Amino acid sequence: MIKKGIILAGGKGTRMSPLTKAVNKQLLPIYDKPLIFYPLSILMLANIKDVLIIVNKGELEQYKKIIPNGKNLGIKITYAEQESPRGLPEAFIIGQKFIGKDCVALILGDNFFYGQNLTKKLQDCSKLNKGAKILLHKVAKPELYGVAKINKNNKILSIKEKPKKFFSDLAITGLYFFDNKVIQFAKKLHPSKRGEIEIVDLLNLYKNKNELSAELIGRGGAWLDTGSIEDFYKTSAFVAAIENRQGLKIACLEEIAFMKKWIGKKQIANAIKFYGNCDYSIYLKKIAH
């Protein structure tokens, strides 16, 4: 059972400069909320209540202004600083003490997930106690992504990074579930030609032991990457369309915590006071009515 999660919110966000010269990308708005709310909501939907957020050195106080320690959500949030990006698996080395002897989930801070059956899939993935599991999503341009080929039992057969010839149209998303071996495996990795340790190499260590499986997001679900300014605003438009049509918010952290009975009406009232007179507060008043 996975009870701990890591959000990797480092990176320089160079493709979004000059916006990211003053503010970390994960604190920029996706429609009506900071981007960091979205990956945190995914971990919460997976019933993960102990979260480590890894941020760039010098940006810790920016995050604590909006997400302090998690008590307001009935969860525990701690932070760690990253000197400079050295690859996704470094999250497990930085977070070794946090992970301890437990299994752990990792979500990239700039990934967005949405779907009607997503919560059940997340909770199924969080039951993992051996090996690793990744989320895959069908894409139109697989040559832009790391992709995986699976068998009928959703076991990973092979992985390729941005294949020039068609190999598979199932892209590897930025959400991963690992057993405790991930720390040991991450330490074994050597930097690639671009000077970073690679997540594909880590996944292959599990695949070679026949311990890597997949969960498919499926048709009707959405996985969006916010790596560029264009992607950022496409994701914002997606959220705006859903929320304005349904009258329901995506990644409202307090709503998730309230529905799971991690917090009560008192914490909702405190959140309304904290956010002030805004549409988000008006929404919170409705859910606690």
Protein backbone atom coordinates (compact mmCIF):
# COMPACT_ATOMS: atom_id res chain seq x y z
CA MET A 1 0.00 0.00 0.00
CA ILE A 2 1.34 3.41 -1.01
CA LYS A 3 0.81 6.07 1.64
CA LYS A 4 3.55 8.51 0.64
CA GLY A 5 3.89 10.67 -2.45
CA ILE A 6 6.47 13.01 -3.94
CA ILE A 7 5.74 16.00 -6.16
CA LEU A 8 8.77 17.00 -8.21
CA ALA A 9 8.25 20.73 -8.63
CA GLY A 10 11.79 21.75 -9.51
CA GLY A 11 13.11 22.57 -12.96
CA LYS A 12 13.94 25.93 -14.44
CA GLY A 13 10.89 26.27 -16.70
CA THR A 14 13.08 27.81 -19.40
CA ARG A 15 10.48 27.23 -22.14
CA MET A 16 8.18 29.59 -20.26
CA SER A 17 10.66 32.39 -19.69
CA PRO A 18 10.36 35.30 -18.91
CA LEU A 19 7.29 34.26 -16.86
CA THR A 20 9.39 31.83 -14.83
CA LYS A 21 12.19 34.30 -14.09
CA ALA A 22 10.21 35.65 -11.13
CA VAL A 23 7.83 32.81 -10.22
CA ASN A 24 8.24 29.04 -10.32
CA LYS A 25 6.15 27.43 -13.07
CA GLN A 26 4.17 25.31 -10.62
CA LEU A 27 2.91 28.48 -8.92
CA LEU A 28 1.58 30.02 -12.13
CA PRO A 29 -2.19 29.74 -12.65
CA ILE A 30 -3.97 26.99 -14.52
CA TYR A 31 -7.22 28.89 -14.88
CA ASP A 32 -8.24 29.66 -11.28
CA LYS A 33 -5.63 27.78 -9.21
CA PRO A 34 -1.85 27.44 -9.02
CA LEU A 35 -0.57 24.53 -11.11
CA ILE A 36 0.77 22.81 -7.95
CA PHE A 37 -2.83 22.23 -6.79
CA TYR A 38 -3.43 19.76 -9.63
CA PRO A 39 -0.70 17.17 -8.92
CA LEU A 40 -1.37 17.47 -5.18
CA SER A 41 -5.05 16.74 -5.83
CA ILE A 42 -4.08 13.57 -7.72
CA LEU A 43 -2.14 12.24 -4.73
CA MET A 44 -5.02 13.11 -2.43
CA LEU A 45 -7.50 11.30 -4.69
CA ALA A 46 -5.19 8.26 -4.42
CA ASN A 47 -5.64 8.49 -0.61
CA ILE A 48 -2.03 9.58 -0.13
CA LYS A 49 -1.81 11.87 2.90
CA ASP A 50 1.95 12.17 3.43
CA VAL A 51 3.53 14.33 0.71
CA LEU A 52 7.01 15.63 -0.02
CA ILE A 53 7.25 18.57 -2.43
CA ILE A 54 10.70 19.03 -3.99
CA VAL A 55 11.35 22.61 -5.11
CA ASN A 56 14.22 24.64 -6.50
CA LYS A 57 16.64 26.09 -4.00
CA GLY A 58 15.52 29.54 -2.92
CA GLU A 59 11.84 29.05 -3.83
CA LEU A 60 10.64 27.33 -0.66
CA GLU A 61 8.96 30.38 0.89
CA GLN A 62 6.93 31.00 -2.28
CA TYR A 63 5.32 27.58 -1.92
CA LYS A 64 4.73 27.83 1.81
CA LYS A 65 2.62 30.95 1.27
CA ILE A 66 -0.01 28.94 -0.57
CA ILE A 67 0.59 25.39 0.76
CA PRO A 68 2.17 25.54 4.24
CA ASN A 69 2.20 22.16 6.02
CA GLY A 70 -1.01 20.43 4.97
CA LYS A 71 -2.80 20.66 8.32
CA ASN A 72 -5.51 22.75 6.67
CA LEU A 73 -6.19 19.75 4.41
CA GLY A 74 -5.87 17.02 7.00
CA ILE A 75 -2.63 15.80 5.43
CA LYS A 76 1.10 16.21 6.05
CA ILE A 77 3.27 18.22 3.65
CA THR A 78 7.03 18.59 3.93
CA TYR A 79 9.49 20.24 1.58
CA ALA A 80 12.96 19.58 0.26
CA GLU A 81 15.13 21.80 -1.92
CA GLN A 82 16.94 20.67 -5.06
CA GLU A 83 20.22 22.38 -5.92
CA SER A 84 19.75 21.86 -9.66
CA PRO A 85 17.79 19.39 -11.85
CA ARG A 86 19.72 16.12 -12.28
CA GLY A 87 16.93 13.90 -13.57
CA LEU A 88 13.58 12.63 -12.30
CA PRO A 89 14.94 9.64 -10.31
CA GLU A 90 16.92 12.03 -8.14
CA ALA A 91 13.63 12.66 -6.35
CA PHE A 92 14.03 9.28 -4.63
CA ILE A 93 17.57 10.08 -3.53
CA ILE A 94 16.55 13.48 -2.17
CA GLY A 95 13.49 11.91 -0.57
CA GLN A 96 15.22 8.82 0.86
CA LYS A 97 14.65 9.82 4.48
CA PHE A 98 11.05 10.79 3.74
CA ILE A 99 10.34 7.46 2.01
CA GLY A 100 11.96 5.35 4.72
CA LYS A 101 10.90 1.73 4.26
CA ASP A 102 7.64 2.56 2.51
CA CYS A 103 6.41 2.39 -1.07
CA VAL A 104 6.03 5.74 -2.81
CA ALA A 105 4.30 7.53 -5.68
CA LEU A 106 5.95 10.22 -7.80
CA ILE A 107 4.08 12.82 -9.81
CA LEU A 108 5.65 15.54 -11.91
CA GLY A 109 4.59 19.02 -10.86
CA ASP A 110 3.64 20.10 -14.37
CA ASN A 111 1.39 17.17 -15.29
CA PHE A 112 -2.41 17.41 -15.43
CA PHE A 113 -4.77 14.43 -15.19
CA TYR A 114 -8.54 14.29 -15.50
CA GLY A 115 -11.17 11.62 -16.04
CA GLN A 116 -14.39 10.17 -14.67
CA ASN A 117 -12.85 6.85 -13.62
CA LEU A 118 -9.49 8.31 -12.68
CA THR A 119 -10.03 8.19 -8.91
CA LYS A 120 -10.65 4.44 -8.92
CA LYS A 121 -7.59 3.85 -11.10
CA LEU A 122 -5.45 5.94 -8.75
CA GLN A 123 -6.68 4.08 -5.70
CA ASP A 124 -6.04 0.74 -7.40
CA CYS A 125 -2.48 1.84 -8.22
CA SER A 126 -1.90 2.93 -4.64
CA LYS A 127 -2.48 -0.67 -3.49
CA LEU A 128 0.88 -1.63 -4.99
CA ASN A 129 3.32 -3.32 -2.60
CA LYS A 130 5.79 -4.90 -5.02
CA GLY A 131 7.36 -3.70 -8.26
CA ALA A 132 6.32 -0.57 -10.12
CA LYS A 133 3.31 0.68 -12.02
CA ILE A 134 3.04 3.54 -14.51
CA LEU A 135 0.10 5.35 -16.09
CA LEU A 136 -0.10 5.22 -19.88
CA HIS A 137 -2.20 7.37 -22.20
CA LYS A 138 -2.88 7.02 -25.92
CA VAL A 139 -1.41 9.90 -27.94
CA ALA A 140 -1.60 11.00 -31.57
CA LYS A 141 2.12 11.81 -31.86
CA PRO A 142 4.06 9.09 -30.00
CA GLU A 143 7.35 10.31 -31.48
CA LEU A 144 7.21 13.19 -29.00
CA TYR A 145 7.10 10.98 -25.89
CA GLY A 146 8.58 8.05 -24.09
CA VAL A 147 6.27 5.18 -25.04
CA ALA A 148 5.67 1.65 -23.83
CA LYS A 149 4.48 -1.59 -25.39
CA ILE A 150 2.35 -3.83 -23.18
CA ASN A 151 0.91 -7.36 -23.28
CA LYS A 152 -2.71 -8.35 -22.66
CA ASN A 153 -2.08 -8.35 -18.88
CA ASN A 154 -0.72 -4.79 -18.97
CA LYS A 155 2.84 -5.92 -18.26
CA ILE A 156 5.44 -3.68 -19.87
CA LEU A 157 7.28 -5.48 -22.67
CA SER A 158 9.47 -2.65 -23.91
CA ILE A 159 10.06 1.09 -23.56
CA LYS A 160 11.44 3.54 -26.09
CA GLU A 161 12.15 7.25 -25.76
CA LYS A 162 10.73 9.35 -28.63
CA PRO A 163 10.86 6.60 -31.29
CA LYS A 164 11.39 7.80 -34.88
CA LYS A 165 9.52 4.79 -36.26
CA PHE A 166 6.14 3.73 -34.88
CA PHE A 167 6.58 1.50 -31.85
CA SER A 168 3.56 2.20 -29.63
CA ASP A 169 1.06 5.02 -29.17
CA LEU A 170 0.91 4.60 -25.39
CA ALA A 171 2.82 7.47 -23.81
CA ILE A 172 4.36 7.24 -20.36
CA THR A 173 2.78 9.95 -18.24
CA GLY A 174 4.33 11.76 -15.29
CA LEU A 175 2.76 9.60 -12.57
CA TYR A 176 4.59 6.57 -11.17
CA PHE A 177 4.09 4.09 -8.32
CA PHE A 178 7.10 2.25 -6.85
CA ASP A 179 7.99 -0.19 -4.12
CA ASN A 180 10.86 0.58 -1.76
CA LYS A 181 13.51 -0.80 -4.14
CA VAL A 182 13.24 2.47 -6.04
CA ILE A 183 15.79 4.13 -3.73
CA GLN A 184 18.37 1.41 -4.32
CA PHE A 185 17.68 1.40 -8.08
CA ALA A 186 17.91 5.20 -8.36
CA LYS A 187 21.34 5.16 -6.73
CA LYS A 188 22.56 2.66 -9.35
CA LEU A 189 21.78 4.91 -12.29
CA HIS A 190 24.44 6.72 -14.29
CA PRO A 191 23.91 10.04 -16.09
CA SER A 192 22.93 9.88 -19.75
CA LYS A 193 24.55 11.90 -22.54
CA ARG A 194 22.54 14.93 -21.46
CA GLY A 195 24.03 14.72 -17.96
CA GLU A 196 20.95 13.51 -16.05
CA ILE A 197 19.80 10.20 -14.63
CA GLU A 198 16.81 9.06 -16.65
CA ILE A 199 13.41 7.78 -15.56
CA VAL A 200 13.38 5.33 -18.50
CA ASP A 201 16.54 3.69 -17.15
CA LEU A 202 14.89 3.34 -13.75
CA LEU A 203 11.77 1.81 -15.28
CA ASN A 204 13.88 -0.64 -17.26
CA LEU A 205 15.45 -1.94 -14.05
CA TYR A 206 11.96 -2.95 -12.93
CA LYS A 207 11.05 -4.25 -16.39
CA ASN A 208 14.11 -6.49 -16.44
CA LYS A 209 12.83 -8.10 -13.24
CA ASN A 210 9.37 -8.48 -14.78
CA GLU A 211 8.03 -6.12 -12.11
CA LEU A 212 6.78 -3.23 -14.25
CA SER A 213 3.09 -2.99 -15.15
CA ALA A 214 0.76 -0.31 -16.44
CA GLU A 215 -2.60 1.27 -15.85
CA LEU A 216 -4.25 2.91 -18.87
CA ILE A 217 -6.02 6.21 -18.38
CA GLY A 218 -8.38 5.20 -21.16
CA ARG A 219 -10.62 6.93 -23.64
CA GLY A 220 -12.39 9.92 -22.11
CA GLY A 221 -9.56 10.62 -19.71
CA ALA A 222 -7.07 13.44 -20.15
CA TRP A 223 -3.37 13.80 -19.56
CA LEU A 224 -1.85 17.17 -20.41
CA ASP A 225 1.72 18.40 -20.08
CA THR A 226 2.25 22.08 -19.28
CA GLY A 227 5.85 22.31 -20.44
CA SER A 228 5.37 25.25 -22.79
CA ILE A 229 3.36 28.47 -22.72
CA GLU A 230 1.04 27.11 -25.42
CA ASP A 231 0.42 23.89 -23.46
CA PHE A 232 -0.11 25.92 -20.29
CA TYR A 233 -2.92 27.95 -21.81
CA LYS A 234 -4.49 24.96 -23.54
CA THR A 235 -4.71 23.28 -20.14
CA SER A 236 -6.19 26.43 -18.62
CA ALA A 237 -8.81 26.54 -21.37
CA PHE A 238 -9.65 22.87 -20.73
CA VAL A 239 -10.17 23.48 -17.01
CA ALA A 240 -12.21 26.62 -17.68
CA ALA A 241 -14.50 24.77 -20.10
CA ILE A 242 -15.15 21.91 -17.67
CA GLU A 243 -15.66 24.07 -14.61
CA ASN A 244 -17.87 26.66 -16.27
CA ARG A 245 -20.06 24.02 -17.89
CA GLN A 246 -20.46 21.80 -14.81
CA GLY A 247 -20.22 24.31 -12.00
CA LEU A 248 -17.75 21.95 -10.31
CA LYS A 249 -14.08 22.66 -9.68
CA ILE A 250 -11.16 20.46 -10.69
CA ALA A 251 -8.44 20.10 -8.04
CA CYS A 252 -10.22 21.93 -5.25
CA LEU A 253 -8.02 20.59 -2.45
CA GLU A 254 -10.36 21.54 0.36
CA GLU A 255 -13.31 19.85 -1.37
CA ILE A 256 -11.37 16.60 -1.77
CA ALA A 257 -10.29 16.68 1.88
CA PHE A 258 -13.83 17.52 3.02
CA MET A 259 -15.42 14.72 0.96
CA LYS A 260 -12.91 12.25 2.39
CA LYS A 261 -13.71 13.56 5.90
CA TRP A 262 -10.10 14.57 6.51
CA ILE A 263 -11.34 18.05 7.45
CA GLY A 264 -14.60 19.56 8.63
CA LYS A 265 -16.58 22.76 8.25
CA LYS A 266 -14.22 24.63 10.56
CA GLN A 267 -11.28 24.09 8.19
CA ILE A 268 -13.46 25.11 5.24
CA ALA A 269 -14.33 28.34 7.05
CA ASN A 270 -10.64 28.97 7.73
CA ALA A 271 -9.86 28.41 4.05
CA ILE A 272 -12.54 30.89 3.00
CA LYS A 273 -11.01 33.46 5.33
CA PHE A 274 -7.52 32.70 3.97
CA TYR A 275 -8.45 33.05 0.29
CA GLY A 276 -10.61 36.10 0.82
CA ASN A 277 -13.44 37.40 -1.35
CA CYS A 278 -13.06 35.37 -4.57
CA ASP A 279 -14.87 32.79 -6.68
CA TYR A 280 -12.87 29.98 -5.05
CA SER A 281 -14.18 31.01 -1.61
CA ILE A 282 -17.74 31.22 -2.95
CA TYR A 283 -17.37 27.64 -4.18
CA LEU A 284 -16.06 26.50 -0.79
CA LYS A 285 -19.12 28.04 0.89
CA LYS A 286 -21.35 25.90 -1.34
CA ILE A 287 -19.65 22.59 -0.59
CA ALA A 288 -19.78 23.11 3.17
CA HIS A 289 -23.34 24.43 3.19
